């Protein structure tokens, strides 16, 4: 179950970063590693493809150092989903983290 939860957080990170600026695979792997997630390309790229299929992300292919690289951006639907989730994160934070301080 922890893997499913981690994958949900990873998707949220992807949406957040794609809303801030365009992102690409290896850059996301490095960014997610800074948050403690060890992600292989074999996990990330299918996740990105699924997010594109769900219209949460869009991409543009470019050649960088003679290699094709896909740059991802959030879509309006992805941004709406991120906004919905932000409200839920705040609510969950209030319930779990703030209430933790009240426990004996």
C-alpha atoms as a PDB file:
ATOM      1  CA  UNK A   1       0.000   0.000   0.000  1.00  0.00           C
ATOM      2  CA  UNK A   2       2.866   2.403   0.717  1.00  0.00           C
ATOM      3  CA  UNK A   3       3.864   2.228  -2.962  1.00  0.00           C
ATOM      4  CA  UNK A   4       0.388   3.383  -3.998  1.00  0.00           C
ATOM      5  CA  UNK A   5       0.550   6.301  -1.569  1.00  0.00           C
ATOM      6  CA  UNK A   6       4.037   7.241  -2.765  1.00  0.00           C
ATOM      7  CA  UNK A   7       2.850   7.136  -6.384  1.00  0.00           C
ATOM      8  CA  UNK A   8      -0.026   9.474  -5.525  1.00  0.00           C
ATOM      9  CA  UNK A   9       2.423  11.936  -3.948  1.00  0.00           C
ATOM     10  CA  UNK A  10       4.737  11.598  -6.947  1.00  0.00           C
ATOM     11  CA  UNK A  11       1.870  12.501  -9.290  1.00  0.00           C
ATOM     12  CA  UNK A  12       1.093  15.546  -7.163  1.00  0.00           C
ATOM     13  CA  UNK A  13       4.736  16.618  -7.304  1.00  0.00           C
ATOM     14  CA  UNK A  14       4.678  16.210 -11.084  1.00  0.00           C
ATOM     15  CA  UNK A  15       1.536  18.334 -11.416  1.00  0.00           C
ATOM     16  CA  UNK A  16       2.959  20.981  -9.104  1.00  0.00           C
ATOM     17  CA  UNK A  17       6.288  21.247 -10.919  1.00  0.00           C
ATOM     18  CA  UNK A  18       4.638  21.138 -14.352  1.00  0.00           C
ATOM     19  CA  UNK A  19       2.457  24.050 -13.227  1.00  0.00           C
ATOM     20  CA  UNK A  20       5.537  26.041 -12.207  1.00  0.00           C
ATOM     21  CA  UNK A  21       7.506  25.427 -15.408  1.00  0.00           C
ATOM     22  CA  UNK A  22       7.952  22.804 -18.091  1.00  0.00           C
ATOM     23  CA  UNK A  23       9.571  19.599 -16.834  1.00  0.00           C
ATOM     24  CA  UNK A  24      11.284  16.588 -18.389  1.00  0.00           C
ATOM     25  CA  UNK A  25      11.894  13.018 -17.267  1.00  0.00           C
ATOM     26  CA  UNK A  26      15.442  13.013 -15.896  1.00  0.00           C
ATOM     27  CA  UNK A  27      14.891  16.428 -14.309  1.00  0.00           C
ATOM     28  CA  UNK A  28      11.811  15.062 -12.546  1.00  0.00           C
ATOM     29  CA  UNK A  29      13.706  11.986 -11.357  1.00  0.00           C
ATOM     30  CA  UNK A  30      16.351  14.272  -9.834  1.00  0.00           C
ATOM     31  CA  UNK A  31      13.746  16.596  -8.279  1.00  0.00           C
ATOM     32  CA  UNK A  32      11.764  13.713  -6.831  1.00  0.00           C
ATOM     33  CA  UNK A  33      14.976  12.225  -5.393  1.00  0.00           C
ATOM     34  CA  UNK A  34      15.408  15.456  -3.418  1.00  0.00           C
ATOM     35  CA  UNK A  35      12.048  14.648  -1.839  1.00  0.00           C
ATOM     36  CA  UNK A  36      13.136  11.108  -0.964  1.00  0.00           C
ATOM     37  CA  UNK A  37      11.579   9.243  -3.888  1.00  0.00           C
ATOM     38  CA  UNK A  38      13.790   6.796  -5.776  1.00  0.00           C
ATOM     39  CA  UNK A  39      12.148   6.547  -9.156  1.00  0.00           C
ATOM     40  CA  UNK A  40      13.358   4.676 -12.213  1.00  0.00           C
ATOM     41  CA  UNK A  41      12.627   5.760 -15.776  1.00  0.00           C
ATOM     42  CA  UNK A  42      10.591   2.542 -16.057  1.00  0.00           C
ATOM     43  CA  UNK A  43       8.199   3.902 -13.441  1.00  0.00           C
ATOM     44  CA  UNK A  44       8.255   7.587 -14.327  1.00  0.00           C
ATOM     45  CA  UNK A  45       7.691   7.475 -18.080  1.00  0.00           C
ATOM     46  CA  UNK A  46       4.572   5.269 -17.938  1.00  0.00           C
ATOM     47  CA  UNK A  47       3.236   7.571 -15.202  1.00  0.00           C
ATOM     48  CA  UNK A  48       3.827  10.620 -17.406  1.00  0.00           C
ATOM     49  CA  UNK A  49       2.201   8.865 -20.385  1.00  0.00           C
ATOM     50  CA  UNK A  50      -0.855   8.033 -18.285  1.00  0.00           C
ATOM     51  CA  UNK A  51      -1.084  11.633 -17.075  1.00  0.00           C
ATOM     52  CA  UNK A  52      -0.951  12.805 -20.713  1.00  0.00           C
ATOM     53  CA  UNK A  53      -3.665  10.303 -21.642  1.00  0.00           C
ATOM     54  CA  UNK A  54      -5.813  11.641 -18.776  1.00  0.00           C
ATOM     55  CA  UNK A  55      -5.280  15.188 -20.131  1.00  0.00           C
ATOM     56  CA  UNK A  56      -3.481  16.316 -16.966  1.00  0.00           C
ATOM     57  CA  UNK A  57      -0.268  17.025 -18.867  1.00  0.00           C
ATOM     58  CA  UNK A  58       0.723  17.874 -22.411  1.00  0.00           C
ATOM     59  CA  UNK A  59       4.175  17.567 -23.933  1.00  0.00           C
ATOM     60  CA  UNK A  60       6.385  18.909 -26.664  1.00  0.00           C
ATOM     61  CA  UNK A  61       9.308  16.923 -28.111  1.00  0.00           C
ATOM     62  CA  UNK A  62      12.595  18.709 -28.696  1.00  0.00           C
ATOM     63  CA  UNK A  63      16.072  17.638 -29.685  1.00  0.00           C
ATOM     64  CA  UNK A  64      18.656  18.238 -26.961  1.00  0.00           C
ATOM     65  CA  UNK A  65      22.257  17.101 -27.513  1.00  0.00           C
ATOM     66  CA  UNK A  66      21.115  15.016 -30.504  1.00  0.00           C
ATOM     67  CA  UNK A  67      18.490  13.197 -28.389  1.00  0.00           C
ATOM     68  CA  UNK A  68      14.736  13.603 -28.263  1.00  0.00           C
ATOM     69  CA  UNK A  69      13.442  14.956 -24.951  1.00  0.00           C
ATOM     70  CA  UNK A  70       9.806  15.459 -24.010  1.00  0.00           C
ATOM     71  CA  UNK A  71       8.974  18.605 -22.057  1.00  0.00           C
ATOM     72  CA  UNK A  72       5.760  18.399 -20.072  1.00  0.00           C
ATOM     73  CA  UNK A  73       3.397  21.187 -18.989  1.00  0.00           C
ATOM     74  CA  UNK A  74       0.240  21.064 -16.970  1.00  0.00           C
ATOM     75  CA  UNK A  75      -3.064  21.390 -18.851  1.00  0.00           C
ATOM     76  CA  UNK A  76      -6.057  23.436 -17.672  1.00  0.00           C
ATOM     77  CA  UNK A  77      -7.647  20.141 -16.546  1.00  0.00           C
ATOM     78  CA  UNK A  78      -4.447  19.255 -14.669  1.00  0.00           C
ATOM     79  CA  UNK A  79      -4.417  22.660 -13.012  1.00  0.00           C
ATOM     80  CA  UNK A  80      -8.056  22.245 -11.954  1.00  0.00           C
ATOM     81  CA  UNK A  81      -7.221  18.826 -10.518  1.00  0.00           C
ATOM     82  CA  UNK A  82      -4.213  20.242  -8.675  1.00  0.00           C
ATOM     83  CA  UNK A  83      -6.370  22.998  -7.179  1.00  0.00           C
ATOM     84  CA  UNK A  84      -8.933  20.435  -5.986  1.00  0.00           C
ATOM     85  CA  UNK A  85      -6.217  18.333  -4.405  1.00  0.00           C
ATOM     86  CA  UNK A  86      -4.622  21.352  -2.695  1.00  0.00           C
ATOM     87  CA  UNK A  87      -7.813  21.896  -0.716  1.00  0.00           C
ATOM     88  CA  UNK A  88      -7.843  18.243   0.300  1.00  0.00           C
ATOM     89  CA  UNK A  89      -4.179  18.409   1.314  1.00  0.00           C
ATOM     90  CA  UNK A  90      -4.882  21.388   3.571  1.00  0.00           C
ATOM     91  CA  UNK A  91      -7.805  19.555   5.156  1.00  0.00           C
ATOM     92  CA  UNK A  92      -5.727  16.402   5.668  1.00  0.00           C
ATOM     93  CA  UNK A  93      -2.834  18.420   7.097  1.00  0.00           C
ATOM     94  CA  UNK A  94      -5.187  20.106   9.565  1.00  0.00           C
ATOM     95  CA  UNK A  95      -6.582  16.755  10.632  1.00  0.00           C
ATOM     96  CA  UNK A  96      -3.412  14.676  10.796  1.00  0.00           C
ATOM     97  CA  UNK A  97      -0.524  17.031  11.557  1.00  0.00           C
ATOM     98  CA  UNK A  98      -2.181  19.679  13.697  1.00  0.00           C
ATOM     99  CA  UNK A  99      -4.171  17.119  15.677  1.00  0.00           C
ATOM    100  CA  UNK A 100      -1.003  15.132  16.258  1.00  0.00           C
ATOM    101  CA  UNK A 101       0.187  17.962  18.504  1.00  0.00           C
ATOM    102  CA  UNK A 102      -2.953  17.630  20.615  1.00  0.00           C
ATOM    103  CA  UNK A 103      -2.387  13.950  21.400  1.00  0.00           C
ATOM    104  CA  UNK A 104      -0.932  13.121  24.811  1.00  0.00           C
END
